[in-house]
Protein backbone atom coordinates (compact mmCIF):
# COMPACT_ATOMS: atom_id res chain seq x y z
CA MET A 1 -0.03 -30.25 -7.55
CA SER A 2 -1.99 -29.47 -10.83
CA VAL A 3 -3.04 -26.38 -12.32
CA LYS A 4 -6.17 -27.21 -12.08
CA SER A 5 -6.42 -27.79 -8.10
CA THR A 6 -4.55 -24.02 -8.27
CA ARG A 7 -7.53 -22.45 -10.00
CA PHE A 8 -9.87 -24.11 -7.56
CA THR A 9 -7.25 -22.53 -4.78
CA VAL A 10 -7.85 -19.38 -6.73
CA LEU A 11 -11.70 -19.87 -6.07
CA GLU A 12 -11.88 -20.78 -2.54
CA LEU A 13 -10.07 -17.60 -1.59
CA LEU A 14 -12.12 -15.67 -4.12
CA ASN A 15 -15.21 -17.03 -2.11
CA LYS A 16 -13.85 -16.09 1.54
CA MET A 17 -13.39 -12.20 0.09
CA ASP A 18 -16.63 -12.06 -0.56
CA LYS A 19 -17.59 -12.87 2.96
CA GLY A 20 -15.70 -9.71 4.26
CA ALA A 21 -12.08 -11.40 4.64
CA TYR A 22 -8.61 -9.79 3.72
CA SER A 23 -6.75 -11.09 0.78
CA ASN A 24 -3.00 -11.59 2.49
CA LEU A 25 -4.62 -13.33 5.95
CA VAL A 26 -6.61 -15.50 3.59
CA ILE A 27 -3.65 -16.04 1.42
CA ASP A 28 -1.29 -16.80 3.84
CA SER A 29 -3.56 -19.07 5.65
CA MET A 30 -4.03 -21.12 2.62
CA PHE A 31 -0.49 -21.25 1.93
CA LYS A 32 -0.40 -22.41 5.65
CA SER A 33 -1.96 -25.34 5.46
CA MET A 34 -1.44 -26.84 1.88
CA ASP A 35 2.08 -27.79 0.70
CA TYR A 36 2.33 -26.25 -2.50
CA SER A 37 5.44 -25.33 -4.78
CA GLU A 38 7.04 -22.03 -5.22
CA ARG A 39 5.63 -22.29 -9.13
CA ASP A 40 2.17 -23.06 -8.00
CA LYS A 41 2.43 -20.09 -5.05
CA ASN A 42 3.37 -17.87 -7.43
CA PHE A 43 0.24 -18.75 -9.94
CA ILE A 44 -1.95 -18.57 -7.25
CA SER A 45 -0.99 -15.24 -5.79
CA HIS A 46 -0.49 -13.58 -9.36
CA LEU A 47 -3.88 -14.82 -10.43
CA PHE A 48 -5.92 -14.05 -6.71
CA TYR A 49 -4.20 -10.63 -6.56
CA GLY A 50 -4.67 -10.07 -9.86
CA ILE A 51 -8.72 -10.52 -10.09
CA ILE A 52 -8.85 -8.36 -6.40
CA GLU A 53 -6.89 -5.42 -8.15
CA ARG A 54 -8.97 -5.61 -11.28
CA LYS A 55 -12.80 -6.61 -9.85
CA ILE A 56 -14.58 -3.91 -11.45
CA THR A 57 -12.77 -4.45 -15.10
CA LEU A 58 -14.14 -7.98 -14.64
CA GLU A 59 -17.47 -7.29 -13.49
CA HIS A 60 -17.72 -5.06 -16.03
CA ILE A 61 -17.07 -7.39 -18.94
CA ILE A 62 -19.27 -10.25 -17.22
CA SER A 63 -22.22 -7.74 -17.50
CA SER A 64 -21.28 -7.08 -20.98
CA TYR A 65 -22.48 -10.38 -22.24
CA SER A 66 -24.87 -11.60 -19.69
CA SER A 67 -28.09 -11.28 -20.01
CA LYS A 68 -28.99 -11.44 -16.13
CA SER A 69 -27.63 -8.52 -14.04
CA LEU A 70 -24.51 -9.40 -12.01
CA ASP A 71 -26.73 -9.09 -8.69
CA LYS A 72 -29.16 -11.94 -10.08
CA LEU A 73 -25.73 -14.51 -10.76
CA ASP A 74 -24.46 -17.21 -8.40
CA THR A 75 -21.59 -15.25 -6.93
CA VAL A 76 -19.59 -18.67 -6.99
CA VAL A 77 -20.07 -18.67 -10.93
CA VAL A 78 -19.05 -15.04 -10.97
CA ASN A 79 -16.01 -15.56 -9.44
CA ILE A 80 -14.98 -18.87 -12.38
CA LEU A 81 -15.91 -16.18 -14.07
CA LYS A 82 -13.11 -13.99 -12.90
CA ILE A 83 -10.48 -16.35 -13.17
CA GLY A 84 -11.22 -17.24 -16.14
CA LEU A 85 -11.57 -13.75 -17.54
CA TYR A 86 -8.52 -12.56 -16.06
CA GLN A 87 -6.72 -15.37 -17.63
CA LEU A 88 -7.78 -14.39 -21.38
CA LYS A 89 -7.24 -10.14 -21.28
CA PHE A 90 -4.45 -10.26 -18.57
CA MET A 91 -2.33 -13.29 -18.68
CA ASP A 92 -0.87 -13.89 -21.88
CA ALA A 93 1.51 -16.69 -20.95
CA ILE A 94 -1.91 -18.95 -20.58
CA PRO A 95 -3.49 -20.02 -24.30
CA ASP A 96 -7.45 -19.13 -24.62
CA ASN A 97 -8.03 -22.68 -25.32
CA ALA A 98 -6.48 -23.73 -22.21
CA ALA A 99 -8.30 -20.78 -20.23
CA VAL A 100 -11.81 -21.50 -21.17
CA ASN A 101 -11.45 -25.42 -20.71
CA GLU A 102 -9.73 -25.17 -17.32
CA THR A 103 -12.51 -22.56 -16.53
CA VAL A 104 -15.40 -24.55 -17.85
CA ASN A 105 -13.53 -27.72 -15.87
CA LEU A 106 -13.68 -25.53 -12.46
CA THR A 107 -17.85 -25.02 -12.77
CA LYS A 108 -17.66 -29.05 -12.20
CA GLN A 109 -15.30 -28.78 -9.27
CA ALA A 110 -17.21 -26.40 -7.56
CA LYS A 111 -20.43 -28.32 -8.05
CA LYS A 112 -21.82 -25.33 -10.27
CA GLY A 113 -22.18 -27.87 -13.59
CA SER A 114 -25.15 -26.91 -14.77
CA ALA A 115 -23.10 -23.01 -15.09
CA SER A 116 -20.94 -24.79 -17.42
CA GLY A 117 -22.57 -24.02 -20.77
CA PHE A 118 -22.96 -20.17 -19.81
CA VAL A 119 -19.47 -19.92 -18.39
CA ASN A 120 -18.13 -21.46 -21.73
CA ALA A 121 -20.44 -18.92 -24.10
CA ILE A 122 -19.15 -15.88 -21.88
CA LEU A 123 -15.66 -16.63 -22.10
CA ARG A 124 -15.70 -17.92 -26.49
CA ASN A 125 -17.68 -14.59 -26.78
CA PHE A 126 -15.41 -12.60 -25.52
CA ILE A 127 -12.46 -14.38 -27.54
CA ARG A 128 -14.41 -13.68 -30.62
CA ASP A 129 -14.53 -9.94 -29.57
CA GLY A 130 -10.90 -9.83 -29.92
CA LYS A 131 -11.01 -9.94 -26.19
CA ASN A 132 -11.74 -5.96 -26.26
CA ILE A 133 -13.64 -4.19 -23.46
CA LYS A 134 -16.28 -1.55 -24.57
CA PHE A 135 -16.22 1.23 -22.07
CA PRO A 136 -18.89 3.47 -21.24
CA SER A 137 -17.88 7.43 -23.20
CA GLU A 138 -18.32 9.16 -19.74
CA PRO A 139 -14.56 9.87 -18.61
CA ILE A 140 -14.72 9.34 -14.72
CA GLN A 141 -16.68 5.99 -15.85
CA LYS A 142 -14.25 4.83 -18.08
CA LEU A 143 -11.54 5.44 -15.53
CA SER A 144 -13.68 3.91 -12.81
CA ILE A 145 -14.16 0.77 -15.24
CA GLU A 146 -10.87 0.15 -16.97
CA TYR A 147 -8.97 0.46 -13.75
CA SER A 148 -10.61 -1.06 -11.48
CA CYS A 149 -12.04 1.57 -8.61
CA ASN A 150 -15.18 2.88 -7.08
CA TYR A 151 -16.70 5.49 -9.00
CA GLU A 152 -16.92 7.46 -5.64
CA LEU A 153 -13.67 7.45 -5.47
CA THR A 154 -11.96 7.86 -8.48
CA GLU A 155 -14.42 11.34 -9.02
CA LYS A 156 -12.58 12.46 -5.46
CA ILE A 157 -9.82 12.19 -6.98
CA CYS A 158 -10.53 13.93 -10.22
CA ASN A 159 -12.27 16.44 -8.13
CA ASP A 160 -9.55 17.19 -5.63
CA TYR A 161 -6.68 17.26 -8.34
CA SER A 162 -7.19 16.46 -11.84
CA TYR A 163 -8.16 13.83 -14.25
CA ASP A 164 -4.77 13.03 -15.43
CA LEU A 165 -3.81 12.71 -11.56
CA ALA A 166 -6.39 10.34 -10.78
CA GLU A 167 -5.44 7.94 -14.03
CA ASP A 168 -1.79 8.54 -12.77
CA LEU A 169 -2.34 7.32 -9.64
CA LEU A 170 -5.05 4.50 -10.64
CA LYS A 171 -2.86 3.36 -13.99
CA ALA A 172 -0.04 2.87 -11.47
CA SER A 173 -1.98 0.59 -9.12
CA VAL A 174 -2.92 -2.42 -11.78
CA THR A 175 1.02 -1.89 -13.07
CA PRO A 176 3.87 -3.78 -11.89
CA HIS A 177 5.88 -1.47 -9.63
CA LYS A 178 9.38 -1.26 -8.43
CA THR A 179 10.14 -2.09 -4.58
CA TYR A 180 11.95 -0.14 -2.55
CA ILE A 181 14.22 -1.03 0.68
CA ARG A 182 15.87 1.18 3.54
CA VAL A 183 19.81 0.34 3.55
CA ASN A 184 20.47 -0.40 7.18
CA ASN A 185 23.88 2.15 7.81
CA LEU A 186 24.60 0.85 11.15
CA LYS A 187 25.31 -2.50 9.55
CA THR A 188 26.56 -2.42 6.14
CA SER A 189 26.58 0.23 3.11
CA GLU A 190 24.76 0.84 -0.35
CA ASP A 191 27.68 -0.88 -2.78
CA LYS A 192 27.96 -4.19 -0.13
CA LEU A 193 24.18 -4.87 -0.15
CA ILE A 194 24.23 -4.56 -4.30
CA ALA A 195 27.08 -6.78 -3.97
CA ASP A 196 25.80 -9.30 -1.51
CA PHE A 197 22.09 -9.32 -2.73
CA SER A 198 24.16 -10.64 -5.92
CA LYS A 199 25.53 -13.99 -4.65
CA TYR A 200 21.63 -14.36 -4.17
CA GLY A 201 20.69 -13.91 -7.79
CA ILE A 202 18.77 -10.68 -6.60
CA LYS A 203 19.61 -7.47 -8.67
CA ALA A 204 19.70 -4.40 -6.98
CA GLU A 205 20.42 -0.83 -7.92
CA LYS A 206 20.74 2.68 -6.34
CA CYS A 207 17.91 4.83 -6.23
CA ASP A 208 18.54 8.24 -6.81
CA VAL A 209 15.88 10.07 -4.86
CA VAL A 210 17.54 9.66 -1.02
CA ASP A 211 20.46 7.92 0.12
CA ASN A 212 20.71 4.01 1.94
CA CYS A 213 17.52 3.39 -0.86
CA LEU A 214 17.89 0.43 -3.34
CA ILE A 215 15.48 -0.60 -6.17
CA ILE A 216 15.08 -4.75 -5.69
CA ASP A 217 13.90 -6.74 -8.79
CA ARG A 218 11.90 -8.88 -6.82
CA ILE A 219 10.20 -9.09 -3.23
CA ASN A 220 9.76 -13.17 -2.92
CA ASP A 221 11.42 -14.10 -0.28
CA VAL A 222 13.77 -11.18 0.68
CA GLY A 223 11.85 -10.98 3.27
CA ASN A 224 13.08 -14.79 4.80
CA SER A 225 16.97 -13.76 3.39
CA GLU A 226 19.92 -13.84 5.50
CA LEU A 227 20.36 -10.64 4.75
CA PHE A 228 17.24 -9.59 5.81
CA LEU A 229 17.26 -11.78 8.98
CA LYS A 230 21.05 -10.02 10.02
CA GLY A 231 19.12 -6.69 9.43
CA ASP A 232 21.32 -5.54 6.71
CA PHE A 233 17.47 -3.51 5.97
CA HIS A 234 14.51 -3.57 5.73
CA ILE A 235 11.57 -2.80 3.13
CA GLN A 236 10.07 0.49 2.67
CA ASP A 237 8.47 2.29 0.10
CA LEU A 238 10.39 5.62 -1.35
CA SER A 239 7.70 7.88 -0.19
CA SER A 240 8.14 6.82 3.34
CA GLN A 241 11.80 7.22 3.05
CA LEU A 242 11.18 10.67 1.80
CA CYS A 243 8.80 11.26 4.91
CA CYS A 244 11.70 10.85 7.11
CA LYS A 245 14.03 12.83 5.42
CA ALA A 246 11.08 15.75 5.31
CA LEU A 247 11.22 15.10 9.35
CA ASN A 248 15.50 15.73 9.26
CA PRO A 249 16.18 14.10 12.87
CA GLN A 250 19.53 14.84 13.55
CA LEU A 251 22.07 12.99 15.59
CA GLY A 252 21.08 13.30 19.57
CA GLU A 253 17.52 14.51 19.38
CA THR A 254 14.78 13.61 20.99
CA VAL A 255 12.14 12.42 18.18
CA ILE A 256 8.52 10.87 19.01
CA ASP A 257 6.83 8.62 16.52
CA LEU A 258 3.84 8.57 17.41
CA CYS A 259 1.32 5.96 15.09
CA ALA A 260 4.76 4.16 14.65
CA ALA A 261 3.78 0.46 14.35
CA PRO A 262 4.86 -1.39 12.43
CA GLY A 263 8.09 1.06 13.06
CA GLY A 264 9.33 0.74 9.42
CA LYS A 265 10.10 5.15 9.80
CA THR A 266 11.03 4.38 13.44
CA PHE A 267 13.90 2.72 12.39
CA THR A 268 15.28 4.88 9.10
CA ILE A 269 14.90 7.65 11.68
CA ALA A 270 17.13 5.77 14.06
CA GLU A 271 19.64 5.46 11.06
CA MET A 272 19.72 8.52 10.12
CA MET A 273 20.40 9.82 13.82
CA ASN A 274 23.48 7.40 13.34
CA ASN A 275 21.62 5.60 16.33
CA GLN A 276 22.44 8.30 18.46
CA GLY A 277 20.15 10.37 20.83
CA SER A 278 16.90 8.97 21.65
CA ILE A 279 13.46 7.67 20.01
CA ILE A 280 9.70 7.32 21.68
CA ALA A 281 7.80 4.39 19.24
CA ALA A 282 4.44 4.37 20.03
CA ASP A 283 1.53 2.74 19.26
CA LEU A 284 -2.03 1.74 20.39
CA HIS A 285 -1.70 -1.91 20.21
CA GLU A 286 0.13 -3.93 22.49
CA LYS A 287 0.98 -6.54 19.51
CA ARG A 288 1.87 -3.90 17.11
CA VAL A 289 4.38 -2.46 19.41
CA ASN A 290 6.42 -5.96 19.43
CA LEU A 291 6.55 -5.58 16.19
CA ILE A 292 8.35 -2.03 16.96
CA LYS A 293 10.40 -4.09 19.56
CA LYS A 294 11.38 -7.39 17.31
CA GLY A 295 12.21 -5.15 14.16
CA ALA A 296 14.79 -2.69 15.72
CA GLU A 297 16.74 -5.92 17.76
CA ARG A 298 17.00 -7.06 14.21
CA LEU A 299 18.24 -4.05 13.13
CA GLY A 300 20.47 -3.84 15.83
CA ILE A 301 19.39 0.18 16.75
CA ASN A 302 18.84 0.35 20.88
CA ILE A 303 17.55 3.92 20.88
CA ILE A 304 14.04 3.11 20.65
CA GLU A 305 11.91 3.11 23.62
CA THR A 306 8.58 1.85 22.45
CA LEU A 307 5.05 2.52 24.21
CA GLN A 308 1.50 1.53 24.02
CA ASN A 309 -0.32 4.61 23.94
CA ASP A 310 -3.40 5.92 22.89
CA ALA A 311 -2.01 8.97 20.40
CA LYS A 312 -5.75 10.93 20.80
CA LYS A 313 -4.83 11.53 24.65
CA ILE A 314 -1.45 13.42 26.42
CA ASN A 315 0.44 10.66 28.11
CA GLU A 316 2.75 12.74 30.88
CA LYS A 317 5.27 9.26 30.48
CA ILE A 318 5.72 11.03 26.99
CA PRO A 319 9.02 13.73 27.20
CA PHE A 320 8.90 16.72 25.19
CA ALA A 321 11.08 16.44 21.38
CA ASP A 322 13.33 17.91 19.38
CA LYS A 323 11.05 16.32 16.45
CA ILE A 324 8.14 14.74 16.21
CA LEU A 325 6.70 12.53 13.10
CA CYS A 326 2.54 12.20 13.30
CA ASP A 327 1.97 9.60 10.65
CA VAL A 328 -2.14 9.14 11.32
CA PRO A 329 -4.17 6.44 10.63
CA CYS A 330 -5.68 7.28 7.28
CA SER A 331 -7.89 5.63 4.28
CA GLY A 332 -4.81 4.34 2.57
CA PHE A 333 -5.86 5.50 -1.08
CA GLY A 334 -2.34 6.56 -1.88
CA VAL A 335 -1.13 2.24 -1.43
CA ILE A 336 -3.58 0.98 -3.34
CA ARG A 337 -1.36 -0.50 -5.68
CA SER A 338 -0.23 -3.03 -2.66
CA LYS A 339 -3.85 -3.09 -0.90
CA PRO A 340 -6.14 -3.13 -3.91
CA GLU A 341 -9.43 -3.85 -1.37
CA LEU A 342 -9.02 0.40 -0.88
CA LYS A 343 -9.80 0.97 -4.04
CA TYR A 344 -13.81 0.09 -3.29
CA THR A 345 -13.82 1.76 0.07
CA GLU A 346 -17.08 3.25 0.01
CA LEU A 347 -16.23 7.32 1.41
CA ASP A 348 -18.70 7.05 3.52
CA THR A 349 -16.94 4.76 5.56
CA VAL A 350 -13.52 6.99 6.25
CA LYS A 351 -15.86 10.60 6.61
CA LYS A 352 -14.94 10.36 10.70
CA LEU A 353 -11.26 10.03 9.68
CA PRO A 354 -9.97 13.37 9.95
CA GLU A 355 -11.88 14.47 13.48
CA ILE A 356 -9.59 11.53 14.47
CA GLN A 357 -6.22 12.96 12.85
CA TYR A 358 -6.69 16.18 13.86
CA GLU A 359 -7.28 14.95 17.04
CA ILE A 360 -4.24 13.21 17.05
CA LEU A 361 -2.20 16.06 15.27
CA LYS A 362 -3.48 18.29 18.29
CA THR A 363 -1.95 15.80 20.97
CA ALA A 364 1.42 15.25 19.05
CA ALA A 365 1.83 18.85 18.91
CA GLY A 366 1.71 19.58 22.70
CA TYR A 367 4.53 17.38 23.04
CA LEU A 368 6.87 19.35 20.90
CA LYS A 369 9.65 21.82 22.27
CA THR A 370 9.73 25.69 21.22
CA GLY A 371 11.74 25.66 18.05
CA GLY A 372 11.08 21.99 17.06
CA GLU A 373 9.40 20.57 14.24
CA LEU A 374 7.16 18.17 13.17
CA VAL A 375 5.93 16.28 10.34
CA TYR A 376 1.97 15.41 9.86
CA SER A 377 1.74 12.48 6.98
CA THR A 378 -0.72 9.66 5.46
CA CYS A 379 -0.39 7.54 3.24
CA THR A 380 -3.86 8.62 1.52
CA ILE A 381 -4.40 11.52 -0.79
CA ASN A 382 -7.84 12.28 0.22
CA ARG A 383 -7.76 16.20 0.32
CA ASP A 384 -10.06 16.08 3.45
CA GLU A 385 -7.73 13.78 5.47
CA ASN A 386 -4.49 16.10 4.37
CA ASP A 387 -4.12 19.57 3.54
CA ASN A 388 -7.52 20.26 5.15
CA VAL A 389 -6.32 18.96 8.60
CA ILE A 390 -3.08 20.69 8.25
CA ASP A 391 -4.84 24.03 6.99
CA LYS A 392 -7.05 23.77 9.96
CA PHE A 393 -4.74 23.03 12.38
CA LEU A 394 -1.99 26.44 11.73
CA SER A 395 -5.47 28.15 11.71
CA GLU A 396 -6.25 27.72 14.87
CA ASN A 397 -2.87 27.53 16.73
CA LYS A 398 -0.98 30.43 16.00
CA ASN A 399 2.01 30.08 17.58
CA PHE A 400 2.77 27.20 15.12
CA GLU A 401 4.20 28.39 11.80
CA PRO A 402 4.28 26.33 8.34
CA VAL A 403 7.65 24.73 7.33
CA GLU A 404 9.41 24.34 3.52
CA ILE A 405 10.06 20.79 2.85
CA LEU A 406 12.42 18.91 0.61
CA SER A 407 12.97 22.04 -1.20
CA GLU A 408 15.54 20.09 -3.63
CA TYR A 409 12.72 18.36 -5.34
CA ASN A 410 10.80 21.58 -6.18
CA ASP A 411 8.71 20.23 -9.02
CA VAL A 412 6.71 18.38 -6.05
CA PHE A 413 7.81 19.91 -3.07
CA GLU A 414 6.34 23.64 -2.55
CA GLY A 415 6.11 25.02 0.37
CA HIS A 416 5.51 23.51 3.78
CA LYS A 417 3.09 20.43 2.59
CA ALA A 418 3.17 18.14 -0.34
CA THR A 419 1.28 15.13 -2.01
CA ILE A 420 2.92 12.45 -4.00
CA PHE A 421 1.42 10.57 -7.19
CA PRO A 422 3.18 7.80 -8.58
CA LYS A 423 4.36 9.78 -11.61
CA HIS A 424 6.72 12.01 -9.48
CA PHE A 425 9.18 9.61 -8.30
CA GLY A 426 7.50 5.78 -8.79
CA CYS A 427 6.40 5.12 -5.52
CA GLU A 428 3.00 4.85 -3.44
CA GLY A 429 0.74 8.10 -2.81
CA PHE A 430 1.55 9.98 0.27
CA PHE A 431 1.11 13.37 2.01
CA ILE A 432 3.77 15.76 3.68
CA SER A 433 3.56 18.67 5.33
CA LYS A 434 5.63 20.11 8.12
CA ILE A 435 5.21 22.78 11.29
CA ARG A 436 6.92 24.40 13.53
CA LYS A 437 6.42 25.29 17.29
CA VAL A 438 7.88 28.99 17.46
CA ASP A 439 7.00 29.96 21.11
């Protein structure tokens, strides 16, 4: 397949995204419908996801060189320009002339030939200016454009934490990052899995933050490898493994994972319990519950009972538990490097989440034995969904007390709650808090 056709494929994907599609779904569908080589798949994925990651940055460049405002331009032509500009600015392996010529040709392929001169002029002017981006002087606006994040969200992170932590999270969202996996200690060991990976040309090394965690040098096809299929590991970010470590499940305990799908934390908890005890893994949607079942079977875990359940309502079928993980649905602002579309979320669309999260937390607490412990967690860094929810719960429920977590990481974890940023461990953004029922 020619390079030109791969660029046209990226254009088709971007056009679908403009209609409200999800990036992972459109690219998966495209790869299933067409027979691409691995090289072409890698190129398409790199260019497509890269453009999504840098959406605001690329639109800023276009606005800097176009006499027309962005909303007056044809959206297909804007996407063609993004394809060209991304190659020029962020793909060093592609010569400038090739990037320009192929992008101009793309206008003709897309039946936008009348815009070829306009596209050519913007790309060549950008090259002539040394491919330098002219950023505004206002700090938050600069941060928003440089790392391509909704201004309102950028401002909120700065206000909730600091400019430096906001920059850390946003910079990580456009920077290559480590891939973590969880070793299934029921079937193998860190050392053996490292040796087994090497047979496939995959480099793996131990993570010095938690046990049974490896860092691998690439993710492509790992999920289809023989080692994965036979259940030697599951893919799980370090932040989620720290969440399970904070829960500290013990052999023989009864544990509830109330919002469990797709099951990564459930599996880690079971492995930490050495497959001894009882785990109720619940989720609202039957299809997602089935993902947990299939994952547990692959990993050889038999202590997990799955359940379709509305986490906001008490379910008499669920027993009292020693430990509960309440990893609630959230805005996902901590995982923007894995899900770049979330950087463009309007805050109004997530403002009702804290109410839902609080209802789930109250319901979860109702399943806890006296003396039992609950971890409340999210993959967001939005204080409204994190600190404010757990603080409200503790103030309104005097039969619960805060529990200090992971004190061995005292530069990050202080007291009963912590917000993890990429700078701390190199992992995704995450929030973890722990409480105990005292009577």
